[in-house]
Amino acid sequence: MSDTEHSGGGTDVLDRELEKLLNEELVEDGDHERFSHYAPKDKIVEAAVTGKPIRALCGKKWVPTRDPSRFPVCPTCKEIYEKLT
């Protein structure tokens, strides 16, 4: 059996490649370097382990790699979080 037959006609590979491409295009440089962002704790831990980008409450997509205590909190994330609580 070929790889494409085994993985449902190759859609798994296409899905992974599309997700990778989208993630690369959606990760923005800039603001996420200047602020610490709010996101679900389990997603932050998962992203730190896997390197897969996550989306903050403000919509920024990033991979958490730095100590968030060294940066001010993103004002948009903070505003959204306060409305949720």
N, C-alpha and C. Protein backbone atom coordinates (compact mmCIF):
# COMPACT_ATOMS: atom_id res chain seq x y z
N MET A 1 0.84 -1.17 0.00
CA MET A 1 0.00 0.00 0.00
C MET A 1 0.90 1.24 0.00
N SER A 2 0.58 2.22 -0.85
CA SER A 2 1.38 3.45 -0.91
C SER A 2 1.04 4.37 0.25
N ASP A 3 1.86 5.36 0.45
CA ASP A 3 1.63 6.33 1.53
C ASP A 3 0.32 7.07 1.35
N THR A 4 -0.03 7.39 0.11
CA THR A 4 -1.27 8.14 -0.11
C THR A 4 -2.48 7.29 0.18
N GLU A 5 -2.42 5.98 -0.11
CA GLU A 5 -3.53 5.10 0.21
C GLU A 5 -3.64 4.92 1.71
N HIS A 6 -2.52 4.85 2.38
CA HIS A 6 -2.49 4.60 3.81
C HIS A 6 -2.99 5.81 4.61
N SER A 7 -2.76 7.00 4.12
CA SER A 7 -3.10 8.20 4.89
C SER A 7 -4.33 8.92 4.33
N GLY A 8 -5.25 8.18 3.74
CA GLY A 8 -6.46 8.80 3.25
C GLY A 8 -6.26 9.64 2.00
N GLY A 9 -5.46 9.16 1.06
CA GLY A 9 -5.27 9.87 -0.19
C GLY A 9 -4.33 11.04 -0.09
N GLY A 10 -3.53 11.06 0.93
CA GLY A 10 -2.55 12.12 1.07
C GLY A 10 -3.08 13.38 1.72
N THR A 11 -4.33 13.38 2.18
CA THR A 11 -4.88 14.59 2.77
C THR A 11 -4.22 14.95 4.09
N ASP A 12 -3.77 13.97 4.84
CA ASP A 12 -3.08 14.27 6.10
C ASP A 12 -1.83 15.10 5.84
N VAL A 13 -1.08 14.71 4.83
CA VAL A 13 0.14 15.44 4.48
C VAL A 13 -0.21 16.85 4.02
N LEU A 14 -1.23 16.97 3.18
CA LEU A 14 -1.65 18.29 2.70
C LEU A 14 -2.13 19.16 3.85
N ASP A 15 -2.91 18.58 4.78
CA ASP A 15 -3.39 19.33 5.93
C ASP A 15 -2.23 19.85 6.77
N ARG A 16 -1.23 19.00 7.01
CA ARG A 16 -0.08 19.41 7.81
C ARG A 16 0.70 20.51 7.10
N GLU A 17 0.89 20.38 5.79
CA GLU A 17 1.63 21.39 5.03
C GLU A 17 0.86 22.71 5.01
N LEU A 18 -0.46 22.66 4.84
CA LEU A 18 -1.27 23.87 4.83
C LEU A 18 -1.22 24.55 6.19
N GLU A 19 -1.34 23.78 7.25
CA GLU A 19 -1.27 24.35 8.60
C GLU A 19 0.09 25.00 8.84
N LYS A 20 1.15 24.35 8.39
CA LYS A 20 2.50 24.91 8.55
C LYS A 20 2.62 26.23 7.79
N LEU A 21 2.14 26.25 6.56
CA LEU A 21 2.19 27.46 5.74
C LEU A 21 1.39 28.58 6.37
N LEU A 22 0.19 28.29 6.83
CA LEU A 22 -0.65 29.31 7.46
C LEU A 22 -0.01 29.84 8.73
N ASN A 23 0.55 28.96 9.53
CA ASN A 23 1.20 29.38 10.76
C ASN A 23 2.38 30.29 10.48
N GLU A 24 3.16 29.99 9.45
CA GLU A 24 4.31 30.81 9.11
C GLU A 24 3.85 32.19 8.66
N GLU A 25 2.76 32.26 7.90
CA GLU A 25 2.29 33.54 7.39
C GLU A 25 1.60 34.37 8.46
N LEU A 26 0.96 33.74 9.44
CA LEU A 26 0.19 34.46 10.44
C LEU A 26 1.02 34.94 11.62
N VAL A 27 2.20 34.42 11.80
CA VAL A 27 3.04 34.87 12.89
C VAL A 27 3.62 36.21 12.51
N GLU A 28 3.25 37.23 13.27
CA GLU A 28 3.68 38.58 12.95
C GLU A 28 4.86 38.98 13.83
N ASP A 29 5.81 39.68 13.24
CA ASP A 29 6.90 40.25 14.01
C ASP A 29 6.42 41.60 14.52
N GLY A 30 6.98 42.02 15.63
CA GLY A 30 6.66 43.36 16.09
C GLY A 30 6.11 43.38 17.49
N ASP A 31 4.82 43.68 17.61
CA ASP A 31 4.22 43.91 18.92
C ASP A 31 4.41 42.77 19.90
N HIS A 32 4.33 41.55 19.44
CA HIS A 32 4.46 40.44 20.38
C HIS A 32 5.84 40.40 21.03
N GLU A 33 6.80 41.10 20.43
CA GLU A 33 8.13 41.18 21.01
C GLU A 33 8.18 42.22 22.13
N ARG A 34 7.24 43.13 22.14
CA ARG A 34 7.24 44.22 23.12
C ARG A 34 6.31 43.99 24.30
N PHE A 35 5.39 43.04 24.19
CA PHE A 35 4.38 42.81 25.23
C PHE A 35 4.34 41.34 25.63
N SER A 36 3.86 41.12 26.84
CA SER A 36 3.48 39.76 27.22
C SER A 36 1.97 39.67 26.97
N HIS A 37 1.54 38.53 26.45
CA HIS A 37 0.15 38.36 26.05
C HIS A 37 -0.57 37.35 26.93
N TYR A 38 -1.89 37.48 26.96
CA TYR A 38 -2.73 36.53 27.67
C TYR A 38 -3.20 35.45 26.70
N ALA A 39 -3.11 34.20 27.17
CA ALA A 39 -3.61 33.04 26.43
C ALA A 39 -3.86 31.96 27.47
N PRO A 40 -4.65 30.94 27.13
CA PRO A 40 -4.88 29.85 28.09
C PRO A 40 -3.56 29.21 28.50
N LYS A 41 -3.42 28.98 29.80
CA LYS A 41 -2.17 28.46 30.35
C LYS A 41 -1.75 27.14 29.69
N ASP A 42 -2.72 26.24 29.47
CA ASP A 42 -2.38 24.95 28.86
C ASP A 42 -1.84 25.14 27.44
N LYS A 43 -2.36 26.14 26.72
CA LYS A 43 -1.88 26.40 25.36
C LYS A 43 -0.47 26.99 25.39
N ILE A 44 -0.19 27.83 26.39
CA ILE A 44 1.15 28.41 26.51
C ILE A 44 2.17 27.31 26.78
N VAL A 45 1.82 26.40 27.68
CA VAL A 45 2.74 25.28 27.99
C VAL A 45 2.94 24.42 26.76
N GLU A 46 1.85 24.09 26.07
CA GLU A 46 1.95 23.26 24.86
C GLU A 46 2.82 23.94 23.80
N ALA A 47 2.63 25.23 23.60
CA ALA A 47 3.41 25.95 22.60
C ALA A 47 4.89 26.01 22.97
N ALA A 48 5.16 26.17 24.26
CA ALA A 48 6.54 26.22 24.72
C ALA A 48 7.24 24.88 24.46
N VAL A 49 6.50 23.79 24.57
CA VAL A 49 7.07 22.46 24.37
C VAL A 49 7.18 22.12 22.88
N THR A 50 6.12 22.41 22.12
CA THR A 50 6.07 22.00 20.71
C THR A 50 6.63 23.03 19.74
N GLY A 51 6.65 24.30 20.15
CA GLY A 51 7.09 25.36 19.25
C GLY A 51 6.00 25.81 18.29
N LYS A 52 4.79 25.29 18.47
CA LYS A 52 3.67 25.65 17.60
C LYS A 52 3.05 26.97 18.08
N PRO A 53 2.85 27.93 17.19
CA PRO A 53 2.28 29.22 17.59
C PRO A 53 0.88 29.09 18.19
N ILE A 54 0.59 29.99 19.11
CA ILE A 54 -0.76 30.08 19.70
C ILE A 54 -1.29 31.48 19.48
N ARG A 55 -2.59 31.63 19.70
CA ARG A 55 -3.22 32.93 19.52
C ARG A 55 -3.55 33.52 20.89
N ALA A 56 -3.10 34.76 21.10
CA ALA A 56 -3.40 35.49 22.33
C ALA A 56 -4.82 36.04 22.27
N LEU A 57 -5.31 36.53 23.41
CA LEU A 57 -6.65 37.10 23.44
C LEU A 57 -6.80 38.24 22.44
N CYS A 58 -5.73 38.99 22.21
CA CYS A 58 -5.79 40.14 21.29
C CYS A 58 -5.75 39.72 19.82
N GLY A 59 -5.48 38.45 19.57
CA GLY A 59 -5.43 37.96 18.20
C GLY A 59 -4.03 37.74 17.66
N LYS A 60 -3.02 38.21 18.37
CA LYS A 60 -1.64 37.99 17.92
C LYS A 60 -1.34 36.50 17.98
N LYS A 61 -0.61 36.05 17.00
CA LYS A 61 -0.19 34.66 16.96
C LYS A 61 1.31 34.64 17.17
N TRP A 62 1.77 33.85 18.16
CA TRP A 62 3.19 33.85 18.51
C TRP A 62 3.55 32.57 19.24
N VAL A 63 4.85 32.35 19.34
CA VAL A 63 5.37 31.23 20.12
C VAL A 63 6.00 31.82 21.38
N PRO A 64 5.45 31.49 22.55
CA PRO A 64 6.01 32.04 23.79
C PRO A 64 7.39 31.44 24.07
N THR A 65 8.41 32.29 24.02
CA THR A 65 9.77 31.82 24.24
C THR A 65 10.51 32.67 25.26
N ARG A 66 9.93 33.79 25.66
CA ARG A 66 10.62 34.70 26.57
C ARG A 66 9.88 34.81 27.89
N ASP A 67 10.58 35.28 28.90
CA ASP A 67 10.01 35.48 30.23
C ASP A 67 8.99 36.62 30.16
N PRO A 68 7.70 36.33 30.34
CA PRO A 68 6.69 37.38 30.20
C PRO A 68 6.79 38.47 31.27
N SER A 69 7.43 38.18 32.38
CA SER A 69 7.54 39.19 33.44
C SER A 69 8.48 40.33 33.04
N ARG A 70 9.24 40.14 31.98
CA ARG A 70 10.17 41.17 31.53
C ARG A 70 9.51 42.22 30.62
N PHE A 71 8.24 42.02 30.28
CA PHE A 71 7.55 42.89 29.35
C PHE A 71 6.23 43.38 29.94
N PRO A 72 5.77 44.55 29.51
CA PRO A 72 4.45 45.01 29.97
C PRO A 72 3.36 44.15 29.33
N VAL A 73 2.23 44.08 30.01
CA VAL A 73 1.10 43.30 29.49
C VAL A 73 0.49 44.04 28.30
N CYS A 74 0.17 43.28 27.28
CA CYS A 74 -0.49 43.82 26.09
C CYS A 74 -1.79 44.50 26.52
N PRO A 75 -1.97 45.78 26.21
CA PRO A 75 -3.17 46.49 26.65
C PRO A 75 -4.46 45.88 26.09
N THR A 76 -4.41 45.38 24.88
CA THR A 76 -5.60 44.78 24.28
C THR A 76 -5.96 43.48 24.98
N CYS A 77 -4.96 42.64 25.25
CA CYS A 77 -5.20 41.39 25.98
C CYS A 77 -5.79 41.69 27.36
N LYS A 78 -5.20 42.69 28.03
CA LYS A 78 -5.66 43.04 29.37
C LYS A 78 -7.12 43.51 29.35
N GLU A 79 -7.46 44.35 28.38
CA GLU A 79 -8.83 44.84 28.27
C GLU A 79 -9.81 43.70 28.02
N ILE A 80 -9.47 42.80 27.13
CA ILE A 80 -10.35 41.65 26.83
C ILE A 80 -10.48 40.76 28.06
N TYR A 81 -9.36 40.49 28.73
CA TYR A 81 -9.38 39.64 29.92
C TYR A 81 -10.28 40.24 31.00
N GLU A 82 -10.17 41.54 31.22
CA GLU A 82 -10.98 42.20 32.25
C GLU A 82 -12.46 42.13 31.93
N LYS A 83 -12.81 42.14 30.66
CA LYS A 83 -14.23 42.03 30.26
C LYS A 83 -14.74 40.60 30.48
N LEU A 84 -13.83 39.63 30.40
CA LEU A 84 -14.21 38.22 30.58
C LEU A 84 -14.39 37.86 32.05
N THR A 85 -13.69 38.56 32.93
CA THR A 85 -13.75 38.20 34.36
C THR A 85 -14.71 39.04 35.13
